[in-house]
């Protein structure tokens, strides 16, 4: 499911480092969006941008539904339900985590929604007519993630239906962030910031010797109006991802359909939750839960976060009273991350 990549405003302030080291900064285009890397290099050669680009290209070759010959596109195009389709390491890692989170979220995170995502016009082929009730009902029969047989030891999977397809957009950017972070750590870098399309992972400290500061965007439908920061968050050795339903949508016959689909109905999710920002140890987990929480709704999301010591969350809700534009709800531990 496509993430709203613009929801996280990055607040990296310029300044001189108090340490005897070099601050390396670079960025580019990847995974259909932009990325940025900042790290503190005490000595050595660091990690050249070309290595990051090569790593993200390999990830795209595995998981991008916009590349015709990627592994996921090849699987989606196959109608053979008897053949085991081979996977690479990237696909296997994302598949493993998706199975775990599919179960924990009660299927709110469902990578098998590919046929419905395409039918609503949020897939690689772009906008199309609104699916009819009959079409939605037909597609609901083939969006069971557990219908895919998966052999982690090979790794490989087998389709349960010839028309089934996968889409990891709700988790792939977060995984990409983690991959770059792991690459930096393997290069001996302990203070870094990695961002892809608004999803963030940090380790250590900012070059100025403080926490990394990241902004959660205030909801606004018009991208041209510019970004306003709702809340600044201090991240120390943590990742954060945000998903929302207020900007990535289509309008047909005066009705609005957001890109986040409810797996239980096959329809656009109508909710008062405008955005969910999740803090987790790794970005793949934060990315996945940010989408799942919008589907699950506030009360179920809060209950899950409070049961998991590794997660915190910040929710922006539509105001319920006159003049109340937004309401803020958060988990009990989220306040410790806020820059007041």
C-alpha atoms as a PDB file:
ATOM      1  CA  UNK A   1       0.000   0.000   0.000  1.00  0.00           C
ATOM      2  CA  UNK A   2       1.450   3.283  -1.029  1.00  0.00           C
ATOM      3  CA  UNK A   3       2.793   5.414   1.777  1.00  0.00           C
ATOM      4  CA  UNK A   4       2.303   9.164   1.960  1.00  0.00           C
ATOM      5  CA  UNK A   5       6.006   9.917   1.627  1.00  0.00           C
ATOM      6  CA  UNK A   6       5.665  13.663   2.078  1.00  0.00           C
ATOM      7  CA  UNK A   7       4.326  13.475   5.615  1.00  0.00           C
ATOM      8  CA  UNK A   8       7.668  13.751   7.409  1.00  0.00           C
ATOM      9  CA  UNK A   9       9.447  17.109   7.324  1.00  0.00           C
ATOM     10  CA  UNK A  10      13.158  16.748   8.041  1.00  0.00           C
ATOM     11  CA  UNK A  11      14.674  19.282  10.384  1.00  0.00           C
ATOM     12  CA  UNK A  12      18.404  18.998   9.893  1.00  0.00           C
ATOM     13  CA  UNK A  13      19.856  22.314  10.991  1.00  0.00           C
ATOM     14  CA  UNK A  14      23.119  23.599   9.585  1.00  0.00           C
ATOM     15  CA  UNK A  15      25.960  24.188  11.963  1.00  0.00           C
ATOM     16  CA  UNK A  16      29.537  23.405  12.787  1.00  0.00           C
ATOM     17  CA  UNK A  17      30.428  20.094  14.358  1.00  0.00           C
ATOM     18  CA  UNK A  18      32.020  20.183  17.764  1.00  0.00           C
ATOM     19  CA  UNK A  19      33.916  16.962  16.973  1.00  0.00           C
ATOM     20  CA  UNK A  20      37.072  16.494  14.940  1.00  0.00           C
ATOM     21  CA  UNK A  21      35.341  14.730  12.074  1.00  0.00           C
ATOM     22  CA  UNK A  22      33.828  15.282   8.662  1.00  0.00           C
ATOM     23  CA  UNK A  23      30.094  15.531   8.076  1.00  0.00           C
ATOM     24  CA  UNK A  24      29.121  13.752   4.853  1.00  0.00           C
ATOM     25  CA  UNK A  25      25.834  14.632   3.152  1.00  0.00           C
ATOM     26  CA  UNK A  26      24.361  13.375  -0.099  1.00  0.00           C
ATOM     27  CA  UNK A  27      21.038  12.417  -1.636  1.00  0.00           C
ATOM     28  CA  UNK A  28      19.276  11.435  -4.800  1.00  0.00           C
ATOM     29  CA  UNK A  29      16.300   9.638  -6.282  1.00  0.00           C
ATOM     30  CA  UNK A  30      15.295   6.109  -5.338  1.00  0.00           C
ATOM     31  CA  UNK A  31      12.185   3.973  -4.957  1.00  0.00           C
ATOM     32  CA  UNK A  32      10.051   6.516  -6.773  1.00  0.00           C
ATOM     33  CA  UNK A  33      10.959   9.307  -4.366  1.00  0.00           C
ATOM     34  CA  UNK A  34      13.990  11.110  -2.921  1.00  0.00           C
ATOM     35  CA  UNK A  35      16.488  10.015  -0.316  1.00  0.00           C
ATOM     36  CA  UNK A  36      19.079  11.701   1.881  1.00  0.00           C
ATOM     37  CA  UNK A  37      21.998  10.478   3.959  1.00  0.00           C
ATOM     38  CA  UNK A  38      23.956  12.381   6.597  1.00  0.00           C
ATOM     39  CA  UNK A  39      26.714  10.842   8.671  1.00  0.00           C
ATOM     40  CA  UNK A  40      29.663  11.721  10.842  1.00  0.00           C
ATOM     41  CA  UNK A  41      32.950  10.357   9.474  1.00  0.00           C
ATOM     42  CA  UNK A  42      35.704  10.341  12.109  1.00  0.00           C
ATOM     43  CA  UNK A  43      38.220   8.796   9.693  1.00  0.00           C
ATOM     44  CA  UNK A  44      38.523   6.587   6.635  1.00  0.00           C
ATOM     45  CA  UNK A  45      36.691   6.713   3.326  1.00  0.00           C
ATOM     46  CA  UNK A  46      33.142   6.300   4.571  1.00  0.00           C
ATOM     47  CA  UNK A  47      30.408   4.915   2.317  1.00  0.00           C
ATOM     48  CA  UNK A  48      30.336   6.480  -1.178  1.00  0.00           C
ATOM     49  CA  UNK A  49      26.983   7.467  -2.616  1.00  0.00           C
ATOM     50  CA  UNK A  50      27.498   5.026  -5.493  1.00  0.00           C
ATOM     51  CA  UNK A  51      27.274   2.108  -3.044  1.00  0.00           C
ATOM     52  CA  UNK A  52      23.998   3.422  -1.638  1.00  0.00           C
ATOM     53  CA  UNK A  53      22.600   3.903  -5.139  1.00  0.00           C
ATOM     54  CA  UNK A  54      23.643   0.376  -6.118  1.00  0.00           C
ATOM     55  CA  UNK A  55      22.004  -1.089  -3.018  1.00  0.00           C
ATOM     56  CA  UNK A  56      18.718   0.741  -3.645  1.00  0.00           C
ATOM     57  CA  UNK A  57      18.782  -0.273  -7.307  1.00  0.00           C
ATOM     58  CA  UNK A  58      19.037  -3.914  -6.205  1.00  0.00           C
ATOM     59  CA  UNK A  59      16.090  -3.416  -3.867  1.00  0.00           C
ATOM     60  CA  UNK A  60      14.039  -1.928  -6.696  1.00  0.00           C
ATOM     61  CA  UNK A  61      14.923  -4.908  -8.879  1.00  0.00           C
ATOM     62  CA  UNK A  62      13.408  -7.108  -6.208  1.00  0.00           C
ATOM     63  CA  UNK A  63      10.341  -5.250  -4.901  1.00  0.00           C
ATOM     64  CA  UNK A  64       9.305  -2.494  -7.321  1.00  0.00           C
ATOM     65  CA  UNK A  65       5.943  -3.043  -9.010  1.00  0.00           C
ATOM     66  CA  UNK A  66       6.919  -0.234 -11.425  1.00  0.00           C
ATOM     67  CA  UNK A  67       9.739  -2.315 -12.977  1.00  0.00           C
ATOM     68  CA  UNK A  68       8.403  -4.928 -15.394  1.00  0.00           C
ATOM     69  CA  UNK A  69      11.160  -7.479 -14.830  1.00  0.00           C
ATOM     70  CA  UNK A  70      11.526  -7.085 -11.059  1.00  0.00           C
ATOM     71  CA  UNK A  71      11.037 -10.209  -8.978  1.00  0.00           C
ATOM     72  CA  UNK A  72       7.693  -9.010  -7.618  1.00  0.00           C
ATOM     73  CA  UNK A  73       6.422  -7.993 -11.075  1.00  0.00           C
ATOM     74  CA  UNK A  74       7.421 -11.397 -12.452  1.00  0.00           C
ATOM     75  CA  UNK A  75       5.513 -13.114  -9.648  1.00  0.00           C
ATOM     76  CA  UNK A  76       2.469 -10.898 -10.147  1.00  0.00           C
ATOM     77  CA  UNK A  77       2.448 -11.561 -13.897  1.00  0.00           C
ATOM     78  CA  UNK A  78       2.639 -15.335 -13.471  1.00  0.00           C
ATOM     79  CA  UNK A  79      -0.597 -17.336 -13.591  1.00  0.00           C
ATOM     80  CA  UNK A  80       1.111 -20.617 -12.689  1.00  0.00           C
ATOM     81  CA  UNK A  81      -0.130 -21.924  -9.328  1.00  0.00           C
ATOM     82  CA  UNK A  82       2.015 -25.081  -9.461  1.00  0.00           C
ATOM     83  CA  UNK A  83       5.465 -23.512  -9.794  1.00  0.00           C
ATOM     84  CA  UNK A  84       7.703 -22.383  -6.951  1.00  0.00           C
ATOM     85  CA  UNK A  85       8.931 -18.874  -7.789  1.00  0.00           C
ATOM     86  CA  UNK A  86      12.427 -18.108  -6.543  1.00  0.00           C
ATOM     87  CA  UNK A  87      13.070 -15.047  -4.350  1.00  0.00           C
ATOM     88  CA  UNK A  88      16.176 -13.070  -3.471  1.00  0.00           C
ATOM     89  CA  UNK A  89      17.335 -12.096   0.009  1.00  0.00           C
ATOM     90  CA  UNK A  90      15.584  -8.722  -0.009  1.00  0.00           C
ATOM     91  CA  UNK A  91      12.254 -10.248  -0.942  1.00  0.00           C
ATOM     92  CA  UNK A  92      12.665 -12.958   1.713  1.00  0.00           C
ATOM     93  CA  UNK A  93      13.412 -10.466   4.516  1.00  0.00           C
ATOM     94  CA  UNK A  94      10.383  -8.359   3.646  1.00  0.00           C
ATOM     95  CA  UNK A  95       8.212 -11.460   3.274  1.00  0.00           C
ATOM     96  CA  UNK A  96       9.271 -12.773   6.684  1.00  0.00           C
ATOM     97  CA  UNK A  97       8.430  -9.499   8.437  1.00  0.00           C
ATOM     98  CA  UNK A  98       5.195  -9.077   6.490  1.00  0.00           C
ATOM     99  CA  UNK A  99       3.942 -12.487   7.617  1.00  0.00           C
ATOM    100  CA  UNK A 100       4.673 -11.581  11.239  1.00  0.00           C
ATOM    101  CA  UNK A 101       2.952  -8.189  11.034  1.00  0.00           C
ATOM    102  CA  UNK A 102       0.028  -9.505   8.983  1.00  0.00           C
ATOM    103  CA  UNK A 103      -0.805 -11.816  11.877  1.00  0.00           C
ATOM    104  CA  UNK A 104      -0.152  -9.269  14.639  1.00  0.00           C
ATOM    105  CA  UNK A 105      -2.237  -6.586  12.931  1.00  0.00           C
ATOM    106  CA  UNK A 106      -5.195  -8.862  12.295  1.00  0.00           C
ATOM    107  CA  UNK A 107      -4.518  -8.532   8.529  1.00  0.00           C
ATOM    108  CA  UNK A 108      -4.626  -4.698   8.642  1.00  0.00           C
ATOM    109  CA  UNK A 109      -1.216  -4.916   6.956  1.00  0.00           C
ATOM    110  CA  UNK A 110      -1.932  -7.087   3.924  1.00  0.00           C
ATOM    111  CA  UNK A 111       0.634  -7.220   1.084  1.00  0.00           C
ATOM    112  CA  UNK A 112      -1.781  -9.326  -0.992  1.00  0.00           C
ATOM    113  CA  UNK A 113      -3.993  -6.308  -1.683  1.00  0.00           C
ATOM    114  CA  UNK A 114      -2.253  -5.794  -5.035  1.00  0.00           C
ATOM    115  CA  UNK A 115      -5.342  -6.565  -7.176  1.00  0.00           C
ATOM    116  CA  UNK A 116      -7.468  -4.111  -5.192  1.00  0.00           C
ATOM    117  CA  UNK A 117      -4.764  -1.424  -5.220  1.00  0.00           C
ATOM    118  CA  UNK A 118      -4.616  -1.705  -8.999  1.00  0.00           C
ATOM    119  CA  UNK A 119      -8.415  -1.752  -9.326  1.00  0.00           C
ATOM    120  CA  UNK A 120      -8.723   1.502  -7.389  1.00  0.00           C
ATOM    121  CA  UNK A 121      -6.044   3.159  -9.539  1.00  0.00           C
ATOM    122  CA  UNK A 122      -3.265   3.407  -6.940  1.00  0.00           C
ATOM    123  CA  UNK A 123      -0.983   0.871  -8.630  1.00  0.00           C
ATOM    124  CA  UNK A 124       1.659   1.098 -11.338  1.00  0.00           C
ATOM    125  CA  UNK A 125      -0.908   1.596 -14.110  1.00  0.00           C
ATOM    126  CA  UNK A 126      -2.384   4.675 -12.442  1.00  0.00           C
ATOM    127  CA  UNK A 127      -5.987   5.977 -12.276  1.00  0.00           C
ATOM    128  CA  UNK A 128      -8.875   4.002 -13.682  1.00  0.00           C
ATOM    129  CA  UNK A 129     -12.635   3.809 -13.161  1.00  0.00           C
ATOM    130  CA  UNK A 130     -13.953   3.153  -9.670  1.00  0.00           C
ATOM    131  CA  UNK A 131     -14.432  -0.617  -9.227  1.00  0.00           C
ATOM    132  CA  UNK A 132     -18.028  -1.812  -8.962  1.00  0.00           C
ATOM    133  CA  UNK A 133     -19.381  -3.698  -5.957  1.00  0.00           C
ATOM    134  CA  UNK A 134     -19.254  -6.874  -8.006  1.00  0.00           C
ATOM    135  CA  UNK A 135     -15.605  -6.300  -8.983  1.00  0.00           C
ATOM    136  CA  UNK A 136     -14.618  -5.617  -5.366  1.00  0.00           C
ATOM    137  CA  UNK A 137     -16.401  -8.757  -4.186  1.00  0.00           C
ATOM    138  CA  UNK A 138     -14.632 -10.806  -6.861  1.00  0.00           C
ATOM    139  CA  UNK A 139     -11.207  -9.398  -5.939  1.00  0.00           C
ATOM    140  CA  UNK A 140     -11.762  -9.958  -2.219  1.00  0.00           C
ATOM    141  CA  UNK A 141     -11.647 -13.679  -2.936  1.00  0.00           C
ATOM    142  CA  UNK A 142      -7.994 -13.504  -4.060  1.00  0.00           C
ATOM    143  CA  UNK A 143      -6.407 -11.060  -1.564  1.00  0.00           C
ATOM    144  CA  UNK A 144      -5.665 -13.603   1.164  1.00  0.00           C
ATOM    145  CA  UNK A 145      -1.981 -13.202   2.019  1.00  0.00           C
ATOM    146  CA  UNK A 146      -1.896 -16.653   3.595  1.00  0.00           C
ATOM    147  CA  UNK A 147      -2.976 -18.165   0.268  1.00  0.00           C
ATOM    148  CA  UNK A 148       0.609 -17.646  -0.908  1.00  0.00           C
ATOM    149  CA  UNK A 149       2.684 -20.694   0.019  1.00  0.00           C
ATOM    150  CA  UNK A 150       6.092 -19.604   1.279  1.00  0.00           C
ATOM    151  CA  UNK A 151       9.209 -21.687   1.788  1.00  0.00           C
ATOM    152  CA  UNK A 152      11.696 -19.570   3.714  1.00  0.00           C
ATOM    153  CA  UNK A 153      14.457 -22.168   3.399  1.00  0.00           C
ATOM    154  CA  UNK A 154      14.744 -21.832  -0.394  1.00  0.00           C
ATOM    155  CA  UNK A 155      13.467 -18.982  -0.396  1.00  0.00           C
ATOM    156  CA  UNK A 156      10.516 -19.280  -2.794  1.00  0.00           C
ATOM    157  CA  UNK A 157       6.762 -18.884  -2.943  1.00  0.00           C
ATOM    158  CA  UNK A 158       3.835 -20.367  -4.824  1.00  0.00           C
ATOM    159  CA  UNK A 159       0.655 -18.524  -5.772  1.00  0.00           C
ATOM    160  CA  UNK A 160      -2.692 -19.766  -4.497  1.00  0.00           C
ATOM    161  CA  UNK A 161      -4.605 -18.006  -7.257  1.00  0.00           C
ATOM    162  CA  UNK A 162      -3.450 -17.189 -10.812  1.00  0.00           C
ATOM    163  CA  UNK A 163      -4.677 -13.603 -10.449  1.00  0.00           C
ATOM    164  CA  UNK A 164      -3.201 -12.940  -7.006  1.00  0.00           C
ATOM    165  CA  UNK A 165      -0.493 -10.293  -6.691  1.00  0.00           C
ATOM    166  CA  UNK A 166       1.687  -8.704  -4.036  1.00  0.00           C
ATOM    167  CA  UNK A 167       2.480  -5.085  -3.190  1.00  0.00           C
ATOM    168  CA  UNK A 168       4.970  -4.211  -0.443  1.00  0.00           C
ATOM    169  CA  UNK A 169       4.705  -0.423  -0.741  1.00  0.00           C
ATOM    170  CA  UNK A 170       3.622  -0.156   2.900  1.00  0.00           C
ATOM    171  CA  UNK A 171       6.908  -1.615   4.095  1.00  0.00           C
ATOM    172  CA  UNK A 172       9.490  -1.402   1.301  1.00  0.00           C
ATOM    173  CA  UNK A 173      10.703   2.172   1.851  1.00  0.00           C
ATOM    174  CA  UNK A 174      11.217   1.475   5.529  1.00  0.00           C
ATOM    175  CA  UNK A 175      13.215  -1.622   4.612  1.00  0.00           C
ATOM    176  CA  UNK A 176      15.272   0.455   2.181  1.00  0.00           C
ATOM    177  CA  UNK A 177      16.091   2.904   4.974  1.00  0.00           C
ATOM    178  CA  UNK A 178      17.226   0.028   7.178  1.00  0.00           C
ATOM    179  CA  UNK A 179      19.398  -1.387   4.395  1.00  0.00           C
ATOM    180  CA  UNK A 180      21.240   1.901   3.980  1.00  0.00           C
ATOM    181  CA  UNK A 181      21.639   2.189   7.746  1.00  0.00           C
ATOM    182  CA  UNK A 182      23.096  -1.319   7.902  1.00  0.00           C
ATOM    183  CA  UNK A 183      25.477  -0.445   5.066  1.00  0.00           C
ATOM    184  CA  UNK A 184      26.718   2.599   6.981  1.00  0.00           C
ATOM    185  CA  UNK A 185      27.180   0.598  10.174  1.00  0.00           C
ATOM    186  CA  UNK A 186      29.139  -2.059   8.283  1.00  0.00           C
ATOM    187  CA  UNK A 187      31.403   0.798   7.149  1.00  0.00           C
ATOM    188  CA  UNK A 188      32.134   1.725  10.769  1.00  0.00           C
ATOM    189  CA  UNK A 189      29.737   4.694  10.912  1.00  0.00           C
ATOM    190  CA  UNK A 190      27.888   5.073  14.218  1.00  0.00           C
ATOM    191  CA  UNK A 191      26.350   8.562  13.896  1.00  0.00           C
ATOM    192  CA  UNK A 192      23.988   8.813  10.941  1.00  0.00           C
ATOM    193  CA  UNK A 193      20.632   9.883   9.549  1.00  0.00           C
ATOM    194  CA  UNK A 194      18.961   8.072   6.623  1.00  0.00           C
ATOM    195  CA  UNK A 195      15.683   9.138   4.999  1.00  0.00           C
ATOM    196  CA  UNK A 196      13.751   7.778   2.030  1.00  0.00           C
ATOM    197  CA  UNK A 197      10.505   9.490   1.105  1.00  0.00           C
ATOM    198  CA  UNK A 198      10.052  10.787   4.642  1.00  0.00           C
ATOM    199  CA  UNK A 199      10.784   7.528   6.460  1.00  0.00           C
ATOM    200  CA  UNK A 200      13.748   7.935   8.817  1.00  0.00           C
ATOM    201  CA  UNK A 201      16.334   5.938  10.732  1.00  0.00           C
ATOM    202  CA  UNK A 202      18.904   7.483  13.067  1.00  0.00           C
ATOM    203  CA  UNK A 203      21.838   6.252  15.090  1.00  0.00           C
ATOM    204  CA  UNK A 204      24.095   8.150  17.445  1.00  0.00           C
ATOM    205  CA  UNK A 205      24.068  11.941  17.450  1.00  0.00           C
ATOM    206  CA  UNK A 206      23.762  14.838  15.034  1.00  0.00           C
ATOM    207  CA  UNK A 207      27.141  16.429  14.130  1.00  0.00           C
ATOM    208  CA  UNK A 208      26.289  19.252  16.548  1.00  0.00           C
ATOM    209  CA  UNK A 209      26.286  16.735  19.398  1.00  0.00           C
ATOM    210  CA  UNK A 210      22.507  16.673  19.898  1.00  0.00           C
ATOM    211  CA  UNK A 211      19.675  14.336  18.985  1.00  0.00           C
ATOM    212  CA  UNK A 212      18.494  14.148  15.418  1.00  0.00           C
ATOM    213  CA  UNK A 213      15.377  16.312  15.032  1.00  0.00           C
ATOM    214  CA  UNK A 214      12.565  15.268  12.708  1.00  0.00           C
ATOM    215  CA  UNK A 215       9.288  17.075  12.087  1.00  0.00           C
ATOM    216  CA  UNK A 216       5.820  15.586  11.770  1.00  0.00           C
ATOM    217  CA  UNK A 217       3.929  17.529   9.129  1.00  0.00           C
ATOM    218  CA  UNK A 218       0.661  19.319   9.855  1.00  0.00           C
ATOM    219  CA  UNK A 219      -2.033  17.860   7.568  1.00  0.00           C
ATOM    220  CA  UNK A 220      -2.769  19.968   4.492  1.00  0.00           C
ATOM    221  CA  UNK A 221      -4.362  18.833   1.248  1.00  0.00           C
ATOM    222  CA  UNK A 222      -2.523  21.313  -0.962  1.00  0.00           C
ATOM    223  CA  UNK A 223       1.139  20.386  -1.463  1.00  0.00           C
ATOM    224  CA  UNK A 224       1.764  23.760  -3.083  1.00  0.00           C
ATOM    225  CA  UNK A 225       0.855  25.495   0.157  1.00  0.00           C
ATOM    226  CA  UNK A 226       4.137  24.295   1.645  1.00  0.00           C
ATOM    227  CA  UNK A 227       4.855  22.147   4.660  1.00  0.00           C
ATOM    228  CA  UNK A 228       4.101  23.267   8.199  1.00  0.00           C
ATOM    229  CA  UNK A 229       5.468  21.335  11.151  1.00  0.00           C
ATOM    230  CA  UNK A 230       2.969  20.033  13.674  1.00  0.00           C
ATOM    231  CA  UNK A 231       5.525  18.573  16.069  1.00  0.00           C
ATOM    232  CA  UNK A 232       9.292  18.182  16.300  1.00  0.00           C
ATOM    233  CA  UNK A 233      10.551  14.799  17.471  1.00  0.00           C
ATOM    234  CA  UNK A 234      13.983  13.980  18.909  1.00  0.00           C
ATOM    235  CA  UNK A 235      15.222  10.631  17.625  1.00  0.00           C
ATOM    236  CA  UNK A 236      18.071   8.772  19.314  1.00  0.00           C
ATOM    237  CA  UNK A 237      18.907   5.356  17.882  1.00  0.00           C
ATOM    238  CA  UNK A 238      15.384   4.929  16.546  1.00  0.00           C
ATOM    239  CA  UNK A 239      13.348   5.045  13.356  1.00  0.00           C
ATOM    240  CA  UNK A 240      10.137   6.887  12.530  1.00  0.00           C
ATOM    241  CA  UNK A 241       7.634   6.567   9.709  1.00  0.00           C
ATOM    242  CA  UNK A 242       4.353   8.351   8.997  1.00  0.00           C
ATOM    243  CA  UNK A 243       1.310   7.397   6.989  1.00  0.00           C
ATOM    244  CA  UNK A 244      -1.793   9.464   6.311  1.00  0.00           C
ATOM    245  CA  UNK A 245      -4.878   9.650   4.170  1.00  0.00           C
ATOM    246  CA  UNK A 246      -5.394  13.367   3.601  1.00  0.00           C
ATOM    247  CA  UNK A 247      -3.344  14.003   0.463  1.00  0.00           C
ATOM    248  CA  UNK A 248      -2.948  10.867  -1.652  1.00  0.00           C
ATOM    249  CA  UNK A 249      -6.485  10.331  -2.891  1.00  0.00           C
ATOM    250  CA  UNK A 250      -8.693  10.361  -5.966  1.00  0.00           C
ATOM    251  CA  UNK A 251     -12.035  12.089  -6.468  1.00  0.00           C
ATOM    252  CA  UNK A 252     -14.795  10.651  -8.602  1.00  0.00           C
ATOM    253  CA  UNK A 253     -18.366  11.935  -8.823  1.00  0.00           C
ATOM    254  CA  UNK A 254     -17.700  14.330  -5.909  1.00  0.00           C
ATOM    255  CA  UNK A 255     -16.606  11.430  -3.692  1.00  0.00           C
ATOM    256  CA  UNK A 256     -13.106  11.084  -2.255  1.00  0.00           C
ATOM    257  CA  UNK A 257     -11.233   7.766  -2.087  1.00  0.00           C
ATOM    258  CA  UNK A 258      -7.942   7.619  -0.161  1.00  0.00           C
ATOM    259  CA  UNK A 259      -5.042   5.341  -1.071  1.00  0.00           C
ATOM    260  CA  UNK A 260      -5.231   3.355   2.157  1.00  0.00           C
ATOM    261  CA  UNK A 261      -7.571   0.403   1.637  1.00  0.00           C
ATOM    262  CA  UNK A 262      -9.354  -1.576   4.327  1.00  0.00           C
ATOM    263  CA  UNK A 263      -8.538  -5.277   3.783  1.00  0.00           C
ATOM    264  CA  UNK A 264     -11.805  -6.291   5.452  1.00  0.00           C
ATOM    265  CA  UNK A 265     -13.958  -4.421   2.916  1.00  0.00           C
ATOM    266  CA  UNK A 266     -11.732  -3.874  -0.130  1.00  0.00           C
ATOM    267  CA  UNK A 267     -12.649  -0.203  -0.074  1.00  0.00           C
ATOM    268  CA  UNK A 268     -10.958   3.079   0.680  1.00  0.00           C
ATOM    269  CA  UNK A 269     -10.577   3.498   4.436  1.00  0.00           C
ATOM    270  CA  UNK A 270     -12.779   6.266   5.825  1.00  0.00           C
ATOM    271  CA  UNK A 271     -11.420   7.435   9.158  1.00  0.00           C
ATOM    272  CA  UNK A 272     -10.960  10.521  11.300  1.00  0.00           C
ATOM    273  CA  UNK A 273      -7.261   9.619  11.661  1.00  0.00           C
ATOM    274  CA  UNK A 274      -5.385  12.005   9.388  1.00  0.00           C
ATOM    275  CA  UNK A 275      -1.925  10.623  10.069  1.00  0.00           C
ATOM    276  CA  UNK A 276      -0.103   8.104  12.223  1.00  0.00           C
ATOM    277  CA  UNK A 277       3.587   8.506  13.071  1.00  0.00           C
ATOM    278  CA  UNK A 278       5.296   5.474  14.590  1.00  0.00           C
ATOM    279  CA  UNK A 279       8.649   5.197  16.364  1.00  0.00           C
ATOM    280  CA  UNK A 280      10.295   1.770  16.349  1.00  0.00           C
ATOM    281  CA  UNK A 281      13.808   0.331  16.568  1.00  0.00           C
ATOM    282  CA  UNK A 282      13.895  -0.229  12.792  1.00  0.00           C
ATOM    283  CA  UNK A 283      12.227   1.619   9.945  1.00  0.00           C
ATOM    284  CA  UNK A 284      10.608  -1.394   8.278  1.00  0.00           C
ATOM    285  CA  UNK A 285       8.581  -1.992  11.443  1.00  0.00           C
ATOM    286  CA  UNK A 286       7.699   1.695  11.833  1.00  0.00           C
ATOM    287  CA  UNK A 287       6.663   1.932   8.180  1.00  0.00           C
ATOM    288  CA  UNK A 288       4.393  -1.103   8.352  1.00  0.00           C
ATOM    289  CA  UNK A 289       2.655  -0.113  11.586  1.00  0.00           C
ATOM    290  CA  UNK A 290       2.073   3.453  10.397  1.00  0.00           C
ATOM    291  CA  UNK A 291      -0.124   2.125   7.591  1.00  0.00           C
ATOM    292  CA  UNK A 292      -1.704  -0.617   9.690  1.00  0.00           C
ATOM    293  CA  UNK A 293      -2.719   1.858  12.413  1.00  0.00           C
ATOM    294  CA  UNK A 294      -4.660   4.033   9.971  1.00  0.00           C
ATOM    295  CA  UNK A 295      -6.576   0.903   8.941  1.00  0.00           C
ATOM    296  CA  UNK A 296      -7.052  -0.348  12.514  1.00  0.00           C
ATOM    297  CA  UNK A 297      -8.314   2.938  13.939  1.00  0.00           C
ATOM    298  CA  UNK A 298      -7.241   4.889  17.009  1.00  0.00           C
ATOM    299  CA  UNK A 299      -8.396   2.698  19.883  1.00  0.00           C
ATOM    300  CA  UNK A 300      -7.012  -0.552  18.450  1.00  0.00           C
ATOM    301  CA  UNK A 301      -3.764   1.200  17.504  1.00  0.00           C
ATOM    302  CA  UNK A 302      -3.291   2.678  20.989  1.00  0.00           C
ATOM    303  CA  UNK A 303      -4.005  -0.693  22.583  1.00  0.00           C
ATOM    304  CA  UNK A 304      -1.384  -2.413  20.437  1.00  0.00           C
ATOM    305  CA  UNK A 305       1.270   0.268  20.985  1.00  0.00           C
ATOM    306  CA  UNK A 306       0.793   0.174  24.751  1.00  0.00           C
ATOM    307  CA  UNK A 307       1.275  -3.610  24.699  1.00  0.00           C
ATOM    308  CA  UNK A 308       4.619  -3.317  22.870  1.00  0.00           C
ATOM    309  CA  UNK A 309       7.487  -1.592  24.677  1.00  0.00           C
ATOM    310  CA  UNK A 310       9.386  -1.161  21.398  1.00  0.00           C
ATOM    311  CA  UNK A 311       6.751   1.129  19.807  1.00  0.00           C
ATOM    312  CA  UNK A 312       5.483   4.675  20.333  1.00  0.00           C
ATOM    313  CA  UNK A 313       2.975   6.554  18.191  1.00  0.00           C
ATOM    314  CA  UNK A 314       1.631  10.051  17.523  1.00  0.00           C
ATOM    315  CA  UNK A 315      -1.804  10.434  15.903  1.00  0.00           C
ATOM    316  CA  UNK A 316      -3.321  13.505  14.277  1.00  0.00           C
ATOM    317  CA  UNK A 317      -7.108  13.239  14.250  1.00  0.00           C
ATOM    318  CA  UNK A 318      -9.703  15.415  12.541  1.00  0.00           C
ATOM    319  CA  UNK A 319     -11.242  17.859  15.014  1.00  0.00           C
ATOM    320  CA  UNK A 320     -14.694  16.954  16.322  1.00  0.00           C
ATOM    321  CA  UNK A 321     -15.917  20.338  17.527  1.00  0.00           C
ATOM    322  CA  UNK A 322     -16.463  23.742  15.958  1.00  0.00           C
ATOM    323  CA  UNK A 323     -13.130  25.410  15.318  1.00  0.00           C
ATOM    324  CA  UNK A 324     -11.166  22.296  16.300  1.00  0.00           C
ATOM    325  CA  UNK A 325      -9.056  21.665  13.220  1.00  0.00           C
ATOM    326  CA  UNK A 326      -7.065  18.784  14.708  1.00  0.00           C
ATOM    327  CA  UNK A 327      -6.899  16.653  17.813  1.00  0.00           C
ATOM    328  CA  UNK A 328      -3.680  14.989  18.969  1.00  0.00           C
ATOM    329  CA  UNK A 329      -3.539  11.562  20.582  1.00  0.00           C
ATOM    330  CA  UNK A 330      -0.373   9.716  21.464  1.00  0.00           C
ATOM    331  CA  UNK A 331       0.973   6.695  23.286  1.00  0.00           C
ATOM    332  CA  UNK A 332       2.052   7.063  26.899  1.00  0.00           C
ATOM    333  CA  UNK A 333       5.778   7.071  26.095  1.00  0.00           C
ATOM    334  CA  UNK A 334       5.654   9.378  23.084  1.00  0.00           C
ATOM    335  CA  UNK A 335       5.986  12.564  25.150  1.00  0.00           C
ATOM    336  CA  UNK A 336       9.605  11.730  25.971  1.00  0.00           C
ATOM    337  CA  UNK A 337      10.488  12.109  22.245  1.00  0.00           C
ATOM    338  CA  UNK A 338       8.786  15.468  21.737  1.00  0.00           C
ATOM    339  CA  UNK A 339      10.776  18.691  21.395  1.00  0.00           C
ATOM    340  CA  UNK A 340       8.724  21.167  23.395  1.00  0.00           C
END
